[in-house]
Amino acid sequence: MDKKIEKKLSALDPRFRKKIEELFESMSESVSMLYEVATHDEKTGLYNNKFFETLLDMEIEKAKRGQQKLSLIIIDIDLFKDVNDKYGHIKADDLLKKLADLIRKHIRKSDIAARFGGEEFIVLLPETDLEKAKTFSLKLRRLIHADKILKKYKITVSGGVTQFRSKDKDNKKKFKERADKALYQAKHKGRDIFVALE
C-alpha cells in the first residue's frame, strides 16, 4: 500500500481503518485476477495470443535497436482433430494443458510462450539465434516423445522455426509468416518434425 495512504489511514478509527484496509486488499486481488484473465489463456495458463502480440512488438523493437538475436517457433499438435474425435473434448483439453505445462517448464524465464490458436502454440526466444532455437525445438520434441501421458495418446507436434532478420528490414508480419511457412513444410514432410527457415 502507498505510504501516503497508510499515513492517512493511521489517523482513522481502528475499526474503520481495518475495513478500508480489507477493501484495499480486495481491490488489489481483483486487479490481479483481471490481469490474469486479460493476459492468459484459460485452458492452458500460457499467455493468450492478444497479449503475446504486444510482447512480440516489444521484443522486435529490442532486436532492432540492440541488434539482439530473436527467434520464433510455431508449434502445432499433429492430427489433433483425431484426438478430439477419439477421446472427447475434455481429454483433448487435458492434453493441451499437459503440453503447455511441458513447454512452460522447459523454457527460460526470458522466453515467452502463448497459445496461438486451437492446438497451436507459439514460443518467442529472445537473445537466441536460429541454431539455438533449432536445438531447443529438438529438445522439446524429445521431451514430448518421452512424456508418458503424451506418448500414451500418441501426441506429436510439428513446428516452424525462424530468426528475426534485423539487417534485412524484417518486420513482424514477415517474421511470423516465415515461421508459419516452416510449420507448413514440417506438416508436408510427414509431421512430428521441426523445420527451420532463415
Foldseek 3Di string as FASTA:
>chain_A
DDPVVVVVLVPDDPVVSVVVVVVVVVVVVVVVVVVQVVFADPLASAGAQVNVVVVVVVLVVCCLVVVAKKKKKKKAKPPLVVVCVPPNDVVSSVVLNVLSVLVVVPDDPPKGKYAHDDRMIMIMDTNDHQVRVQVVQVVSLVVCCPDPVSVVSVIAMEMFMEMADSVVPGDPVNNVVNRVVQSVVCVVVPGRYYGYDD
